[in-house]
Every structure is written in C-alpha cells, then in structure tokens.
Protein backbone atom coordinates (compact mmCIF):
# COMPACT_ATOMS: atom_id res chain seq x y z
CA UNK A 1 -125.99 5.17 -19.90
CA UNK A 2 -124.84 4.12 -16.51
CA UNK A 3 -124.39 0.65 -17.67
CA UNK A 4 -122.20 1.88 -20.47
CA UNK A 5 -120.32 4.08 -18.08
CA UNK A 6 -119.50 1.15 -16.02
CA UNK A 7 -118.18 -1.00 -18.99
CA UNK A 8 -116.05 2.09 -19.77
CA UNK A 9 -114.84 2.36 -16.00
CA UNK A 10 -113.96 -1.40 -16.01
CA UNK A 11 -112.49 -1.32 -19.47
CA UNK A 12 -110.22 1.52 -18.20
CA UNK A 13 -109.32 -0.07 -14.89
CA UNK A 14 -108.09 -3.09 -17.04
CA UNK A 15 -105.98 -0.82 -19.14
CA UNK A 16 -104.67 1.40 -16.19
CA UNK A 17 -101.16 -0.49 -15.81
CA UNK A 18 -100.56 0.03 -19.56
CA UNK A 19 -101.81 3.39 -20.12
CA UNK A 20 -101.84 5.33 -16.62
CA UNK A 21 -104.01 8.56 -16.50
CA UNK A 22 -105.09 7.98 -20.26
CA UNK A 23 -106.62 4.56 -19.68
CA UNK A 24 -110.24 5.77 -20.34
CA UNK A 25 -109.06 6.99 -23.48
CA UNK A 26 -107.41 3.68 -24.52
CA UNK A 27 -110.64 2.07 -23.62
CA UNK A 28 -112.76 4.17 -25.80
CA UNK A 29 -110.28 3.18 -28.58
CA UNK A 30 -110.66 -0.45 -27.77
CA UNK A 31 -114.58 -0.04 -27.38
CA UNK A 32 -114.41 1.44 -31.05
CA UNK A 33 -112.49 -1.25 -32.38
CA UNK A 34 -115.22 -3.97 -30.83
CA UNK A 35 -117.80 -2.00 -32.47
CA UNK A 36 -116.05 -1.98 -35.80
CA UNK A 37 -115.36 -5.97 -35.58
CA UNK A 38 -118.92 -6.44 -34.88
CA UNK A 39 -119.86 -4.46 -37.91
CA UNK A 40 -117.18 -5.98 -40.11
CA UNK A 41 -119.56 -8.63 -41.63
CA UNK A 42 -121.70 -5.49 -42.82
CA UNK A 43 -118.86 -3.89 -44.36
CA UNK A 44 -118.08 -7.00 -46.38
CA UNK A 45 -121.50 -6.88 -47.36
CA UNK A 46 -121.24 -3.55 -48.45
CA UNK A 47 -118.01 -4.08 -50.46
CA UNK A 48 -119.73 -6.98 -52.15
CA UNK A 49 -122.75 -4.88 -53.17
CA UNK A 50 -120.66 -2.24 -54.35
CA UNK A 51 -118.51 -4.44 -56.72
CA UNK A 52 -122.00 -5.71 -58.00
CA UNK A 53 -123.63 -2.31 -58.73
CA UNK A 54 -120.16 -1.37 -60.68
CA UNK A 55 -120.71 -4.71 -62.47
CA UNK A 56 -124.47 -4.02 -63.45
CA UNK A 57 -123.66 -0.76 -64.89
CA UNK A 58 -124.05 -1.59 -68.42
CA UNK A 59 -127.41 -3.29 -67.87
CA UNK A 60 -128.53 -0.31 -65.67
CA UNK A 61 -127.69 2.14 -68.62
CA UNK A 62 -129.68 -0.14 -71.03
CA UNK A 63 -132.51 -0.02 -68.57
CA UNK A 64 -132.53 3.87 -68.37
CA UNK A 65 -132.24 3.83 -72.18
CA UNK A 66 -135.24 1.60 -72.43
CA UNK A 67 -137.29 3.31 -69.74
CA UNK A 68 -136.49 6.78 -70.42
CA UNK A 69 -140.09 7.81 -70.89
CA UNK A 70 -141.41 5.97 -67.84
CA UNK A 71 -139.96 6.43 -64.47
CA UNK A 72 -142.19 3.98 -62.84
CA UNK A 73 -141.08 0.91 -65.14
CA UNK A 74 -137.44 2.14 -64.60
CA UNK A 75 -137.69 1.72 -60.93
CA UNK A 76 -139.39 -1.23 -61.14
CA UNK A 77 -136.88 -2.69 -63.52
CA UNK A 78 -133.94 -1.54 -61.57
CA UNK A 79 -135.68 -3.22 -58.47
CA UNK A 80 -136.02 -6.65 -60.41
CA UNK A 81 -132.52 -6.45 -61.34
CA UNK A 82 -131.11 -5.70 -57.84
CA UNK A 83 -133.46 -8.52 -56.49
CA UNK A 84 -132.19 -11.30 -59.24
CA UNK A 85 -128.42 -10.10 -58.36
CA UNK A 86 -128.91 -10.03 -54.72
CA UNK A 87 -128.01 -6.58 -54.64
CA UNK A 88 -129.11 -4.29 -52.22
CA UNK A 89 -129.02 -0.62 -52.62
CA UNK A 90 -128.74 0.08 -48.98
CA UNK A 91 -125.82 -2.10 -48.32
CA UNK A 92 -123.36 0.53 -48.03
CA UNK A 93 -125.26 2.73 -45.58
CA UNK A 94 -125.77 0.01 -43.01
CA UNK A 95 -122.26 -0.07 -41.55
CA UNK A 96 -122.67 3.48 -40.96
CA UNK A 97 -126.10 3.40 -39.35
CA UNK A 98 -125.26 0.68 -36.96
CA UNK A 99 -122.25 2.38 -35.73
CA UNK A 100 -124.42 5.75 -34.78
CA UNK A 101 -126.03 4.81 -31.63
CA UNK A 102 -122.42 3.63 -30.13
CA UNK A 103 -121.45 7.44 -31.27
CA UNK A 104 -124.12 8.93 -29.80
CA UNK A 105 -124.02 7.16 -26.78
CA UNK A 106 -120.18 8.35 -25.98
CA UNK A 107 -121.47 11.98 -26.97
CA UNK A 108 -124.27 11.76 -24.27
CA UNK A 109 -122.07 10.08 -21.93
CA UNK A 110 -119.16 12.61 -22.06
CA UNK A 111 -121.65 15.70 -22.25
CA UNK A 112 -123.27 14.81 -19.09
CA UNK A 113 -122.43 16.04 -15.65
CA UNK A 114 -124.45 13.27 -14.04
CA UNK A 115 -125.39 9.57 -14.51
CA UNK A 116 -128.34 8.27 -12.52
CA UNK A 117 -128.30 11.24 -10.22
CA UNK A 118 -124.71 10.64 -9.41
CA UNK A 119 -121.68 12.70 -10.66
CA UNK A 120 -120.34 11.61 -13.67
CA UNK A 121 -116.79 10.46 -12.97
CA UNK A 122 -115.79 9.83 -16.47
CA UNK A 123 -115.54 13.45 -16.75
CA UNK A 124 -112.37 13.26 -14.90
CA UNK A 125 -110.32 11.30 -17.08
CA UNK A 126 -108.13 12.59 -19.69
CA UNK A 127 -105.98 11.92 -22.70
CA UNK A 128 -102.72 13.46 -21.45
CA UNK A 129 -103.41 16.90 -20.83
CA UNK A 130 -107.09 17.19 -22.33
CA UNK A 131 -110.33 16.35 -20.53
CA UNK A 132 -112.16 13.67 -22.33
CA UNK A 133 -115.40 15.55 -21.88
CA UNK A 134 -114.01 19.02 -23.11
CA UNK A 135 -113.85 20.20 -26.67
CA UNK A 136 -111.54 21.91 -28.79
CA UNK A 137 -112.80 25.46 -27.86
CA UNK A 138 -111.86 24.50 -24.06
CA UNK A 139 -108.57 23.82 -25.13
CA UNK A 140 -108.27 27.03 -27.23
CA UNK A 141 -109.59 29.06 -24.22
CA UNK A 142 -106.93 27.12 -21.98
CA UNK A 143 -103.36 27.40 -23.42
CA UNK A 144 -104.24 28.22 -26.96
CA UNK A 145 -103.65 25.64 -29.85
CA UNK A 146 -100.38 25.09 -28.57
CA UNK A 147 -101.05 24.60 -25.14
CA UNK A 148 -100.97 21.18 -23.51
CA UNK A 149 -104.35 20.33 -23.84
CA UNK A 150 -104.39 21.69 -27.50
CA UNK A 151 -101.76 20.04 -28.78
CA UNK A 152 -103.61 16.89 -28.11
CA UNK A 153 -106.21 18.17 -30.82
CA UNK A 154 -103.35 19.14 -33.16
CA UNK A 155 -102.27 15.51 -33.07
CA UNK A 156 -105.90 14.35 -33.66
CA UNK A 157 -106.18 16.70 -36.61
CA UNK A 158 -102.89 15.45 -37.82
CA UNK A 159 -104.18 11.84 -37.74
CA UNK A 160 -107.55 12.88 -39.07
CA UNK A 161 -105.91 14.76 -42.36
CA UNK A 162 -103.54 11.79 -42.78
CA UNK A 163 -106.11 9.60 -42.89
CA UNK A 164 -108.51 11.54 -44.98
CA UNK A 165 -105.61 12.23 -47.55
CA UNK A 166 -105.18 8.50 -47.98
CA UNK A 167 -108.88 7.75 -48.41
CA UNK A 168 -109.08 10.51 -50.72
CA UNK A 169 -106.37 8.85 -52.87
CA UNK A 170 -108.05 5.67 -52.37
CA UNK A 171 -111.48 6.76 -53.55
CA UNK A 172 -110.04 8.38 -56.53
CA UNK A 173 -108.23 5.47 -57.70
CA UNK A 174 -111.19 3.36 -57.11
CA UNK A 175 -113.49 5.75 -59.00
CA UNK A 176 -111.14 5.72 -61.72
CA UNK A 177 -111.00 1.95 -62.11
CA UNK A 178 -115.00 1.72 -61.62
CA UNK A 179 -116.18 4.58 -63.58
CA UNK A 180 -119.98 5.46 -63.60
CA UNK A 181 -121.25 4.71 -67.08
CA UNK A 182 -123.45 7.03 -68.71
CA UNK A 183 -126.97 6.10 -69.76
CA UNK A 184 -127.93 4.20 -72.98
CA UNK A 185 -128.16 7.34 -75.24
CA UNK A 186 -124.54 8.54 -74.10
CA UNK A 187 -125.98 10.98 -71.46
CA UNK A 188 -124.44 11.17 -67.84
CA UNK A 189 -126.72 10.14 -65.15
CA UNK A 190 -128.33 13.36 -63.47
CA UNK A 191 -126.43 14.16 -60.38
CA UNK A 192 -123.91 11.49 -60.59
CA UNK A 193 -121.18 14.10 -61.73
CA UNK A 194 -121.62 16.27 -58.58
CA UNK A 195 -121.53 13.40 -56.30
CA UNK A 196 -118.01 11.98 -58.04
CA UNK A 197 -116.32 15.20 -57.43
CA UNK A 198 -117.58 15.73 -53.88
CA UNK A 199 -117.01 11.97 -52.78
CA UNK A 200 -113.16 11.82 -52.62
CA UNK A 201 -113.36 15.08 -50.00
CA UNK A 202 -115.88 13.37 -47.73
CA UNK A 203 -113.36 11.91 -45.47
CA UNK A 204 -112.14 15.54 -44.89
CA UNK A 205 -115.23 16.46 -43.18
CA UNK A 206 -114.23 14.41 -40.07
CA UNK A 207 -112.08 17.34 -39.09
CA UNK A 208 -114.97 19.25 -38.40
CA UNK A 209 -116.63 16.70 -36.55
CA UNK A 210 -113.36 16.30 -34.12
CA UNK A 211 -113.35 19.98 -33.55
CA UNK A 212 -116.97 20.32 -32.13
CA UNK A 213 -117.72 17.12 -30.36
CA UNK A 214 -116.40 16.11 -26.83
CA UNK A 215 -112.73 14.50 -27.03
CA UNK A 216 -114.40 10.95 -26.08
CA UNK A 217 -116.57 11.14 -29.15
CA UNK A 218 -113.73 12.37 -31.46
CA UNK A 219 -111.54 9.67 -30.43
CA UNK A 220 -114.23 7.49 -31.47
CA UNK A 221 -114.38 9.02 -34.73
CA UNK A 222 -110.81 9.29 -35.52
CA UNK A 223 -110.65 5.44 -34.46
CA UNK A 224 -113.54 4.53 -36.66
CA UNK A 225 -112.10 6.52 -39.51
CA UNK A 226 -108.51 4.93 -39.49
CA UNK A 227 -110.46 1.82 -39.43
CA UNK A 228 -112.55 2.58 -42.36
CA UNK A 229 -109.63 3.46 -44.51
CA UNK A 230 -107.73 0.35 -43.64
CA UNK A 231 -110.93 -1.70 -44.42
CA UNK A 232 -111.43 -0.11 -47.70
CA UNK A 233 -107.84 -0.46 -48.76
CA UNK A 234 -108.55 -4.31 -48.18
CA UNK A 235 -112.20 -5.03 -49.27
CA UNK A 236 -112.10 -2.61 -52.42
CA UNK A 237 -108.92 -3.78 -53.94
C-alpha cells in the first residue's frame, strides 16, 4: 500500500496548482479514469459478447427445447455453441472483476491510520470540507446532512442518482430492443423474469455503497459508475 500511497501523493502534488486542497480527490478521479482506460478493451469484449448472445437466443431456445429432459446434454450443447461462435459467458463479468483490486486498495488505504509503521498522511486530505477517509455517518455527526461535509455527500448522491436514472432508462431501452426469447416450447426461461425486472434498478445500489465506504472509495465508485454509463451508451447502441 505504501507504493500506491506514494502514487496518490505524487498525483496530488501534480494537480495541486489546479485543485488546491482537493488535489488528492482529483488524483483519485484521475486514477479511476486510468483504471477504466486499462479495462476498456474488456468492456468492448463484453459488449460484443452481449450482442452475440442476443443473436444466439433463437438457437439457444431450440437447444433448450431439444434437450429439455437432459440437462447434461443441454449444458454441453450450449458450451459447444458458445465455443463455435467464440462467445464467453463470463465476458460481461470481467470488467467489474478487474476493477475490484483497485477499489479495495483505495478502501484499505483510506481506512488505515498507518502505512508501513508511519502515520497515513493521506487521511489529512479533503474534498472541500469532507475528509477523504471519512464516511457519510461522520458527516452526519458533524453538522448534519446539510453541513459543510454533508453537502459534499449530497452532491455525490445527486450525481449517482442522475447516473443511475440514465442507466435505468438505457437498460430498459436495451432490454426492450433485445428481449430474452422463451424456450422452444413457448415457456419462459426459469429465473429470467425476475432478473429482467431487477436489472434496471441495479445502478441505484451504488447509493448504498457511497454511503458506507470512505469518501476516497466513494469517489472511485461514483467516477467508475459514470464512466460505465457513458461506455454503455456508446458500446450498446
């Protein structure tokens, strides 16, 4: 963590002339953008995979009809179809999985009072009046939701709500354009209905994450979520 702490400090020093006391917060946003740039090829692959899976739905429905009484043969047939079409069922998960180490690194970095047996100097950095190592509960106890620190979280919640609403509409439109087809006998695929109804609301769960993690990690989540929404608007059109 000491190497990463030094990286954040160096980025903050570079950005200090532009952002002043909030330079460390700007450094976290820049770091998030760099991570997303590195993960972008995986996001493009995930988009291609999603489009391919949508295209294969009629064939998958026929396989489910053909092997309805033999789950093992169905699984093997679906695997062979995905292999032949070069579609990976896990491609949609890879962008999120590759981001988890960066998120947890920030979380631990701004939750630790010491790094390498030395005081964690990053905890002294702020975004306006809110400490980067603080949480929403701390802001509520220091001036309430509309105190100087609380207003920072109000702004973050507003950004997340706007991005989540955009993602909700985008997901609904995408799912309407590419509906999940029933199986060959006309029956719905088990479990898909519940997933379909819940999926558009997933972005709103980011509000919970922002409320409970350190502000530095919350900045990562908000920046990454906004990036994902913009990316989906371009890649899934």
